[in-house]
Full PDB file with SEQRES, HELIX, SHEET, SSBOND, CRYST1, ORIGX, SCALE, CONECT and MASTER records, all heavy atoms in Angstrom:
SEQRES   1 A   31  PHE GLY ARG GLN LYS GLY HIS THR GLU LEU TYR ARG GLY          
SEQRES   2 A   31  ALA GLU TYR VAL VAL ASP PHE ILE PRO LYS ILE LYS LEU          
SEQRES   3 A   31  GLU ILE ALA VAL ASN                                          
SHEET    1 AA1 2 HIS A   7  TYR A  11  0                                        
SHEET    2 AA1 2 ALA A  14  VAL A  18 -1                                        
CRYST1    1.000    1.000    1.000  90.00  90.00  90.00 P 1           1          
ORIGX1      1.000000  0.000000  0.000000        0.00000                         
ORIGX2      0.000000  1.000000  0.000000        0.00000                         
ORIGX3      0.000000  0.000000  1.000000        0.00000                         
SCALE1      1.000000  0.000000  0.000000        0.00000                         
SCALE2      0.000000  1.000000  0.000000        0.00000                         
SCALE3      0.000000  0.000000  1.000000        0.00000                         
ATOM      1  N   PHE A   1      52.844  65.525 -60.213  1.00  0.00           N  
ATOM      2  CA  PHE A   1      51.616  66.288 -60.384  1.00  0.00           C  
ATOM      3  C   PHE A   1      50.483  65.538 -59.730  1.00  0.00           C  
ATOM      4  O   PHE A   1      50.519  64.328 -59.564  1.00  0.00           O  
ATOM      5  CB  PHE A   1      51.304  66.575 -61.852  1.00  0.00           C  
ATOM      6  CG  PHE A   1      50.940  65.357 -62.655  1.00  0.00           C  
ATOM      7  CD1 PHE A   1      49.627  64.937 -62.743  1.00  0.00           C  
ATOM      8  CD2 PHE A   1      51.924  64.649 -63.324  1.00  0.00           C  
ATOM      9  CE1 PHE A   1      49.301  63.814 -63.480  1.00  0.00           C  
ATOM     10  CE2 PHE A   1      51.593  63.526 -64.063  1.00  0.00           C  
ATOM     11  CZ  PHE A   1      50.283  63.109 -64.146  1.00  0.00           C  
ATOM     12  N   GLY A   2      49.483  66.283 -59.352  1.00  0.00           N  
ATOM     13  CA  GLY A   2      48.252  65.725 -58.806  1.00  0.00           C  
ATOM     14  C   GLY A   2      47.119  66.304 -59.605  1.00  0.00           C  
ATOM     15  O   GLY A   2      47.104  66.250 -60.830  1.00  0.00           O  
ATOM     16  N   ARG A   3      46.219  66.967 -58.919  1.00  0.00           N  
ATOM     17  CA  ARG A   3      45.092  67.591 -59.607  1.00  0.00           C  
ATOM     18  C   ARG A   3      45.528  68.778 -60.444  1.00  0.00           C  
ATOM     19  O   ARG A   3      44.814  69.202 -61.342  1.00  0.00           O  
ATOM     20  CB  ARG A   3      44.051  68.038 -58.592  1.00  0.00           C  
ATOM     21  CG  ARG A   3      43.364  66.889 -57.921  1.00  0.00           C  
ATOM     22  CD  ARG A   3      42.290  67.355 -56.988  1.00  0.00           C  
ATOM     23  NE  ARG A   3      41.700  66.220 -56.303  1.00  0.00           N  
ATOM     24  CZ  ARG A   3      40.987  66.321 -55.213  1.00  0.00           C  
ATOM     25  NH1 ARG A   3      40.761  67.496 -54.672  1.00  0.00           N  
ATOM     26  NH2 ARG A   3      40.488  65.250 -54.642  1.00  0.00           N  
ATOM     27  N   GLN A   4      46.710  69.315 -60.156  1.00  0.00           N  
ATOM     28  CA  GLN A   4      47.217  70.464 -60.913  1.00  0.00           C  
ATOM     29  C   GLN A   4      47.384  70.144 -62.392  1.00  0.00           C  
ATOM     30  O   GLN A   4      47.177  70.978 -63.237  1.00  0.00           O  
ATOM     31  CB  GLN A   4      48.585  70.882 -60.372  1.00  0.00           C  
ATOM     32  CG  GLN A   4      48.538  71.905 -59.294  1.00  0.00           C  
ATOM     33  CD  GLN A   4      49.945  72.214 -58.813  1.00  0.00           C  
ATOM     34  OE1 GLN A   4      50.579  71.382 -58.205  1.00  0.00           O  
ATOM     35  NE2 GLN A   4      50.408  73.395 -59.096  1.00  0.00           N  
ATOM     36  N   LYS A   5      47.824  68.944 -62.679  1.00  0.00           N  
ATOM     37  CA  LYS A   5      48.052  68.471 -64.046  1.00  0.00           C  
ATOM     38  C   LYS A   5      49.072  69.296 -64.824  1.00  0.00           C  
ATOM     39  O   LYS A   5      49.093  69.299 -66.037  1.00  0.00           O  
ATOM     40  CB  LYS A   5      46.742  68.437 -64.841  1.00  0.00           C  
ATOM     41  CG  LYS A   5      45.675  67.572 -64.250  1.00  0.00           C  
ATOM     42  CD  LYS A   5      45.949  66.122 -64.479  1.00  0.00           C  
ATOM     43  CE  LYS A   5      44.756  65.280 -64.131  1.00  0.00           C  
ATOM     44  NZ  LYS A   5      44.910  64.489 -62.951  1.00  0.00           N  
ATOM     45  N   GLY A   6      49.929  70.030 -64.151  1.00  0.00           N  
ATOM     46  CA  GLY A   6      50.931  70.822 -64.852  1.00  0.00           C  
ATOM     47  C   GLY A   6      50.335  72.092 -65.425  1.00  0.00           C  
ATOM     48  O   GLY A   6      49.216  72.469 -65.123  1.00  0.00           O  
ATOM     49  N   HIS A   7      51.116  72.745 -66.269  1.00  0.00           N  
ATOM     50  CA  HIS A   7      50.655  73.979 -66.889  1.00  0.00           C  
ATOM     51  C   HIS A   7      51.424  74.232 -68.179  1.00  0.00           C  
ATOM     52  O   HIS A   7      52.398  73.565 -68.469  1.00  0.00           O  
ATOM     53  CB  HIS A   7      50.821  75.160 -65.921  1.00  0.00           C  
ATOM     54  CG  HIS A   7      52.233  75.384 -65.495  1.00  0.00           C  
ATOM     55  ND1 HIS A   7      52.804  74.692 -64.454  1.00  0.00           N  
ATOM     56  CD2 HIS A   7      53.192  76.210 -65.970  1.00  0.00           C  
ATOM     57  CE1 HIS A   7      54.067  75.085 -64.301  1.00  0.00           C  
ATOM     58  NE2 HIS A   7      54.321  75.997 -65.215  1.00  0.00           N  
ATOM     59  N   THR A   8      50.975  75.200 -68.959  1.00  0.00           N  
ATOM     60  CA  THR A   8      51.609  75.547 -70.223  1.00  0.00           C  
ATOM     61  C   THR A   8      52.446  76.808 -70.028  1.00  0.00           C  
ATOM     62  O   THR A   8      52.022  77.744 -69.356  1.00  0.00           O  
ATOM     63  CB  THR A   8      50.540  75.803 -71.301  1.00  0.00           C  
ATOM     64  OG1 THR A   8      49.726  74.637 -71.404  1.00  0.00           O  
ATOM     65  CG2 THR A   8      51.170  76.081 -72.642  1.00  0.00           C  
ATOM     66  N   GLU A   9      53.658  76.800 -70.584  1.00  0.00           N  
ATOM     67  CA  GLU A   9      54.533  77.966 -70.502  1.00  0.00           C  
ATOM     68  C   GLU A   9      54.959  78.385 -71.905  1.00  0.00           C  
ATOM     69  O   GLU A   9      54.964  77.590 -72.835  1.00  0.00           O  
ATOM     70  CB  GLU A   9      55.774  77.657 -69.659  1.00  0.00           C  
ATOM     71  CG  GLU A   9      55.479  77.545 -68.186  1.00  0.00           C  
ATOM     72  CD  GLU A   9      56.739  77.429 -67.344  1.00  0.00           C  
ATOM     73  OE1 GLU A   9      57.852  77.502 -67.904  1.00  0.00           O  
ATOM     74  OE2 GLU A   9      56.599  77.271 -66.130  1.00  0.00           O  
ATOM     75  N   LEU A  10      55.334  79.641 -72.025  1.00  0.00           N  
ATOM     76  CA  LEU A  10      55.813  80.190 -73.284  1.00  0.00           C  
ATOM     77  C   LEU A  10      57.300  80.468 -73.132  1.00  0.00           C  
ATOM     78  O   LEU A  10      57.720  81.167 -72.203  1.00  0.00           O  
ATOM     79  CB  LEU A  10      55.056  81.491 -73.594  1.00  0.00           C  
ATOM     80  CG  LEU A  10      55.160  82.019 -75.017  1.00  0.00           C  
ATOM     81  CD1 LEU A  10      54.583  80.995 -76.002  1.00  0.00           C  
ATOM     82  CD2 LEU A  10      54.413  83.331 -75.131  1.00  0.00           C  
ATOM     83  N   TYR A  11      58.134  79.880 -74.016  1.00  0.00           N  
ATOM     84  CA  TYR A  11      59.574  80.082 -73.950  1.00  0.00           C  
ATOM     85  C   TYR A  11      60.090  80.392 -75.345  1.00  0.00           C  
ATOM     86  O   TYR A  11      59.961  79.573 -76.255  1.00  0.00           O  
ATOM     87  CB  TYR A  11      60.262  78.841 -73.389  1.00  0.00           C  
ATOM     88  CG  TYR A  11      61.760  78.961 -73.291  1.00  0.00           C  
ATOM     89  CD1 TYR A  11      62.344  79.788 -72.346  1.00  0.00           C  
ATOM     90  CD2 TYR A  11      62.589  78.263 -74.162  1.00  0.00           C  
ATOM     91  CE1 TYR A  11      63.714  79.913 -72.246  1.00  0.00           C  
ATOM     92  CE2 TYR A  11      63.954  78.371 -74.076  1.00  0.00           C  
ATOM     93  CZ  TYR A  11      64.520  79.196 -73.126  1.00  0.00           C  
ATOM     94  OH  TYR A  11      65.882  79.317 -73.033  1.00  0.00           O  
ATOM     95  N   ARG A  12      60.626  81.576 -75.524  1.00  0.00           N  
ATOM     96  CA  ARG A  12      61.152  82.032 -76.819  1.00  0.00           C  
ATOM     97  C   ARG A  12      60.141  81.838 -77.949  1.00  0.00           C  
ATOM     98  O   ARG A  12      60.459  81.332 -79.023  1.00  0.00           O  
ATOM     99  CB  ARG A  12      62.462  81.327 -77.149  1.00  0.00           C  
ATOM    100  CG  ARG A  12      63.557  81.692 -76.184  1.00  0.00           C  
ATOM    101  CD  ARG A  12      64.881  81.154 -76.638  1.00  0.00           C  
ATOM    102  NE  ARG A  12      65.897  81.514 -75.665  1.00  0.00           N  
ATOM    103  CZ  ARG A  12      67.178  81.573 -75.930  1.00  0.00           C  
ATOM    104  NH1 ARG A  12      67.620  81.282 -77.142  1.00  0.00           N  
ATOM    105  NH2 ARG A  12      68.029  81.894 -74.998  1.00  0.00           N  
ATOM    106  N   GLY A  13      58.916  82.179 -77.654  1.00  0.00           N  
ATOM    107  CA  GLY A  13      57.869  82.129 -78.666  1.00  0.00           C  
ATOM    108  C   GLY A  13      57.235  80.765 -78.861  1.00  0.00           C  
ATOM    109  O   GLY A  13      56.258  80.649 -79.591  1.00  0.00           O  
ATOM    110  N   ALA A  14      57.781  79.732 -78.208  1.00  0.00           N  
ATOM    111  CA  ALA A  14      57.209  78.391 -78.353  1.00  0.00           C  
ATOM    112  C   ALA A  14      56.463  78.018 -77.079  1.00  0.00           C  
ATOM    113  O   ALA A  14      56.932  78.283 -75.981  1.00  0.00           O  
ATOM    114  CB  ALA A  14      58.311  77.371 -78.628  1.00  0.00           C  
ATOM    115  N   GLU A  15      55.319  77.420 -77.265  1.00  0.00           N  
ATOM    116  CA  GLU A  15      54.515  76.992 -76.126  1.00  0.00           C  
ATOM    117  C   GLU A  15      54.831  75.536 -75.814  1.00  0.00           C  
ATOM    118  O   GLU A  15      54.933  74.707 -76.709  1.00  0.00           O  
ATOM    119  CB  GLU A  15      53.031  77.140 -76.487  1.00  0.00           C  
ATOM    120  CG  GLU A  15      52.114  77.151 -75.297  1.00  0.00           C  
ATOM    121  CD  GLU A  15      50.684  77.453 -75.701  1.00  0.00           C  
ATOM    122  OE1 GLU A  15      50.334  78.646 -75.785  1.00  0.00           O  
ATOM    123  OE2 GLU A  15      49.945  76.489 -75.933  1.00  0.00           O  
ATOM    124  N   TYR A  16      55.036  75.230 -74.534  1.00  0.00           N  
ATOM    125  CA  TYR A  16      55.251  73.842 -74.159  1.00  0.00           C  
ATOM    126  C   TYR A  16      54.584  73.557 -72.827  1.00  0.00           C  
ATOM    127  O   TYR A  16      54.315  74.449 -72.041  1.00  0.00           O  
ATOM    128  CB  TYR A  16      56.747  73.496 -74.122  1.00  0.00           C  
ATOM    129  CG  TYR A  16      57.530  74.202 -73.044  1.00  0.00           C  
ATOM    130  CD1 TYR A  16      57.842  73.555 -71.854  1.00  0.00           C  
ATOM    131  CD2 TYR A  16      57.976  75.510 -73.212  1.00  0.00           C  
ATOM    132  CE1 TYR A  16      58.551  74.198 -70.867  1.00  0.00           C  
ATOM    133  CE2 TYR A  16      58.696  76.157 -72.232  1.00  0.00           C  
ATOM    134  CZ  TYR A  16      58.989  75.494 -71.060  1.00  0.00           C  
ATOM    135  OH  TYR A  16      59.699  76.129 -70.074  1.00  0.00           O  
ATOM    136  N   VAL A  17      54.319  72.275 -72.596  1.00  0.00           N  
ATOM    137  CA  VAL A  17      53.596  71.849 -71.397  1.00  0.00           C  
ATOM    138  C   VAL A  17      54.596  71.384 -70.340  1.00  0.00           C  
ATOM    139  O   VAL A  17      55.489  70.591 -70.627  1.00  0.00           O  
ATOM    140  CB  VAL A  17      52.615  70.705 -71.729  1.00  0.00           C  
ATOM    141  CG1 VAL A  17      51.933  70.186 -70.475  1.00  0.00           C  
ATOM    142  CG2 VAL A  17      51.592  71.177 -72.741  1.00  0.00           C  
ATOM    143  N   VAL A  18      54.441  71.886 -69.133  1.00  0.00           N  
ATOM    144  CA  VAL A  18      55.236  71.440 -67.999  1.00  0.00           C  
ATOM    145  C   VAL A  18      54.357  70.441 -67.246  1.00  0.00           C  
ATOM    146  O   VAL A  18      53.442  70.831 -66.526  1.00  0.00           O  
ATOM    147  CB  VAL A  18      55.630  72.626 -67.086  1.00  0.00           C  
ATOM    148  CG1 VAL A  18      56.405  72.132 -65.882  1.00  0.00           C  
ATOM    149  CG2 VAL A  18      56.418  73.653 -67.867  1.00  0.00           C  
ATOM    150  N   ASP A  19      54.627  69.146 -67.466  1.00  0.00           N  
ATOM    151  CA  ASP A  19      53.802  68.095 -66.865  1.00  0.00           C  
ATOM    152  C   ASP A  19      54.117  67.883 -65.384  1.00  0.00           C  
ATOM    153  O   ASP A  19      53.236  67.599 -64.594  1.00  0.00           O  
ATOM    154  CB  ASP A  19      54.003  66.766 -67.591  1.00  0.00           C  
ATOM    155  CG  ASP A  19      53.384  66.769 -68.971  1.00  0.00           C  
ATOM    156  OD1 ASP A  19      52.415  67.520 -69.176  1.00  0.00           O  
ATOM    157  OD2 ASP A  19      53.870  66.031 -69.831  1.00  0.00           O  
ATOM    158  N   PHE A  20      55.384  67.971 -65.043  1.00  0.00           N  
ATOM    159  CA  PHE A  20      55.803  67.681 -63.678  1.00  0.00           C  
ATOM    160  C   PHE A  20      56.202  68.966 -62.972  1.00  0.00           C  
ATOM    161  O   PHE A  20      57.061  69.695 -63.427  1.00  0.00           O  
ATOM    162  CB  PHE A  20      56.960  66.683 -63.673  1.00  0.00           C  
ATOM    163  CG  PHE A  20      56.564  65.344 -64.241  1.00  0.00           C  
ATOM    164  CD1 PHE A  20      56.980  64.963 -65.498  1.00  0.00           C  
ATOM    165  CD2 PHE A  20      55.761  64.488 -63.514  1.00  0.00           C  
ATOM    166  CE1 PHE A  20      56.612  63.736 -66.021  1.00  0.00           C  
ATOM    167  CE2 PHE A  20      55.377  63.267 -64.034  1.00  0.00           C  
ATOM    168  CZ  PHE A  20      55.812  62.885 -65.281  1.00  0.00           C  
ATOM    169  N   ILE A  21      55.565  69.206 -61.841  1.00  0.00           N  
ATOM    170  CA  ILE A  21      55.777  70.412 -61.054  1.00  0.00           C  
ATOM    171  C   ILE A  21      56.853  70.129 -60.001  1.00  0.00           C  
ATOM    172  O   ILE A  21      56.794  69.105 -59.318  1.00  0.00           O  
ATOM    173  CB  ILE A  21      54.468  70.833 -60.338  1.00  0.00           C  
ATOM    174  CG1 ILE A  21      53.298  70.881 -61.309  1.00  0.00           C  
ATOM    175  CG2 ILE A  21      54.642  72.139 -59.593  1.00  0.00           C  
ATOM    176  CD1 ILE A  21      53.430  71.878 -62.410  1.00  0.00           C  
ATOM    177  N   PRO A  22      57.838  71.032 -59.827  1.00  0.00           N  
ATOM    178  CA  PRO A  22      58.850  70.830 -58.778  1.00  0.00           C  
ATOM    179  C   PRO A  22      58.209  70.889 -57.387  1.00  0.00           C  
ATOM    180  O   PRO A  22      57.413  71.783 -57.103  1.00  0.00           O  
ATOM    181  CB  PRO A  22      59.816  71.995 -58.966  1.00  0.00           C  
ATOM    182  CG  PRO A  22      59.483  72.623 -60.263  1.00  0.00           C  
ATOM    183  CD  PRO A  22      58.083  72.235 -60.611  1.00  0.00           C  
ATOM    184  N   LYS A  23      58.553  69.934 -56.549  1.00  0.00           N  
ATOM    185  CA  LYS A  23      58.053  69.851 -55.175  1.00  0.00           C  
ATOM    186  C   LYS A  23      59.198  69.448 -54.259  1.00  0.00           C  
ATOM    187  O   LYS A  23      60.268  69.067 -54.713  1.00  0.00           O  
ATOM    188  CB  LYS A  23      56.935  68.806 -55.051  1.00  0.00           C  
ATOM    189  CG  LYS A  23      55.706  69.076 -55.895  1.00  0.00           C  
ATOM    190  CD  LYS A  23      54.901  70.222 -55.367  1.00  0.00           C  
ATOM    191  CE  LYS A  23      53.634  70.407 -56.198  1.00  0.00           C  
ATOM    192  NZ  LYS A  23      52.787  71.450 -55.683  1.00  0.00           N  
ATOM    193  N   ILE A  24      58.934  69.496 -52.966  1.00  0.00           N  
ATOM    194  CA  ILE A  24      59.873  69.033 -51.956  1.00  0.00           C  
ATOM    195  C   ILE A  24      59.228  67.861 -51.228  1.00  0.00           C  
ATOM    196  O   ILE A  24      58.062  67.934 -50.840  1.00  0.00           O  
ATOM    197  CB  ILE A  24      60.218  70.145 -50.934  1.00  0.00           C  
ATOM    198  CG1 ILE A  24      60.961  71.293 -51.611  1.00  0.00           C  
ATOM    199  CG2 ILE A  24      61.009  69.595 -49.758  1.00  0.00           C  
ATOM    200  CD1 ILE A  24      62.350  70.955 -52.114  1.00  0.00           C  
ATOM    201  N   LYS A  25      59.995  66.792 -51.041  1.00  0.00           N  
ATOM    202  CA  LYS A  25      59.501  65.638 -50.292  1.00  0.00           C  
ATOM    203  C   LYS A  25      60.260  65.565 -48.969  1.00  0.00           C  
ATOM    204  O   LYS A  25      61.486  65.538 -48.951  1.00  0.00           O  
ATOM    205  CB  LYS A  25      59.723  64.351 -51.076  1.00  0.00           C  
ATOM    206  CG  LYS A  25      59.253  63.102 -50.346  1.00  0.00           C  
ATOM    207  CD  LYS A  25      59.498  61.884 -51.213  1.00  0.00           C  
ATOM    208  CE  LYS A  25      59.031  60.620 -50.532  1.00  0.00           C  
ATOM    209  NZ  LYS A  25      59.310  59.441 -51.377  1.00  0.00           N  
ATOM    210  N   LEU A  26      59.505  65.565 -47.874  1.00  0.00           N  
ATOM    211  CA  LEU A  26      60.072  65.414 -46.543  1.00  0.00           C  
ATOM    212  C   LEU A  26      59.807  64.001 -46.054  1.00  0.00           C  
ATOM    213  O   LEU A  26      58.704  63.475 -46.241  1.00  0.00           O  
ATOM    214  CB  LEU A  26      59.415  66.388 -45.557  1.00  0.00           C  
ATOM    215  CG  LEU A  26      59.427  67.865 -45.904  1.00  0.00           C  
ATOM    216  CD1 LEU A  26      58.626  68.642 -44.867  1.00  0.00           C  
ATOM    217  CD2 LEU A  26      60.837  68.383 -45.961  1.00  0.00           C  
ATOM    218  N   GLU A  27      60.795  63.386 -45.444  1.00  0.00           N  
ATOM    219  CA  GLU A  27      60.623  62.080 -44.814  1.00  0.00           C  
ATOM    220  C   GLU A  27      61.039  62.228 -43.359  1.00  0.00           C  
ATOM    221  O   GLU A  27      62.142  62.676 -43.067  1.00  0.00           O  
ATOM    222  CB  GLU A  27      61.464  61.020 -45.515  1.00  0.00           C  
ATOM    223  CG  GLU A  27      61.019  60.770 -46.945  1.00  0.00           C  
ATOM    224  CD  GLU A  27      61.946  59.844 -47.696  1.00  0.00           C  
ATOM    225  OE1 GLU A  27      63.100  60.243 -47.920  1.00  0.00           O  
ATOM    226  OE2 GLU A  27      61.520  58.729 -48.031  1.00  0.00           O  
ATOM    227  N   ILE A  28      60.134  61.856 -42.455  1.00  0.00           N  
ATOM    228  CA  ILE A  28      60.360  62.057 -41.032  1.00  0.00           C  
ATOM    229  C   ILE A  28      59.951  60.792 -40.292  1.00  0.00           C  
ATOM    230  O   ILE A  28      58.785  60.381 -40.360  1.00  0.00           O  
ATOM    231  CB  ILE A  28      59.527  63.245 -40.505  1.00  0.00           C  
ATOM    232  CG1 ILE A  28      59.751  64.473 -41.377  1.00  0.00           C  
ATOM    233  CG2 ILE A  28      59.844  63.532 -39.053  1.00  0.00           C  
ATOM    234  CD1 ILE A  28      58.635  65.478 -41.330  1.00  0.00           C  
ATOM    235  N   ALA A  29      60.893  60.175 -39.591  1.00  0.00           N  
ATOM    236  CA  ALA A  29      60.592  59.006 -38.770  1.00  0.00           C  
ATOM    237  C   ALA A  29      60.325  59.496 -37.351  1.00  0.00           C  
ATOM    238  O   ALA A  29      61.144  60.216 -36.777  1.00  0.00           O  
ATOM    239  CB  ALA A  29      61.760  58.030 -38.789  1.00  0.00           C  
ATOM    240  N   VAL A  30      59.168  59.122 -36.795  1.00  0.00           N  
ATOM    241  CA  VAL A  30      58.796  59.595 -35.458  1.00  0.00           C  
ATOM    242  C   VAL A  30      58.177  58.469 -34.628  1.00  0.00           C  
ATOM    243  O   VAL A  30      57.688  57.477 -35.168  1.00  0.00           O  
ATOM    244  CB  VAL A  30      57.796  60.777 -35.512  1.00  0.00           C  
ATOM    245  CG1 VAL A  30      58.408  61.978 -36.180  1.00  0.00           C  
ATOM    246  CG2 VAL A  30      56.513  60.380 -36.193  1.00  0.00           C  
ATOM    247  N   ASN A  31      58.203  58.669 -33.315  1.00  0.00           N  
ATOM    248  CA  ASN A  31      57.501  57.768 -32.403  1.00  0.00           C  
ATOM    249  C   ASN A  31      56.001  57.976 -32.585  1.00  0.00           C  
ATOM    250  O   ASN A  31      55.557  59.058 -32.964  1.00  0.00           O  
ATOM    251  CB  ASN A  31      57.894  58.058 -30.960  1.00  0.00           C  
ATOM    252  CG  ASN A  31      59.374  57.842 -30.725  1.00  0.00           C  
ATOM    253  OD1 ASN A  31      59.976  56.965 -31.336  1.00  0.00           O  
ATOM    254  ND2 ASN A  31      59.954  58.637 -29.862  1.00  0.00           N  
TER     255      ASN A  31                                                      
MASTER        0    0    0    0    2    0    0    6  254    1    0    3          
END                                                                             
């Protein structure tokens, strides 16, 4: 997470916080 700080979701009537957001990390070696 960065400035997003995660978000709150509702699952089967219970509220919970999703702290870590799924992302993709690319690594590229270049000249």
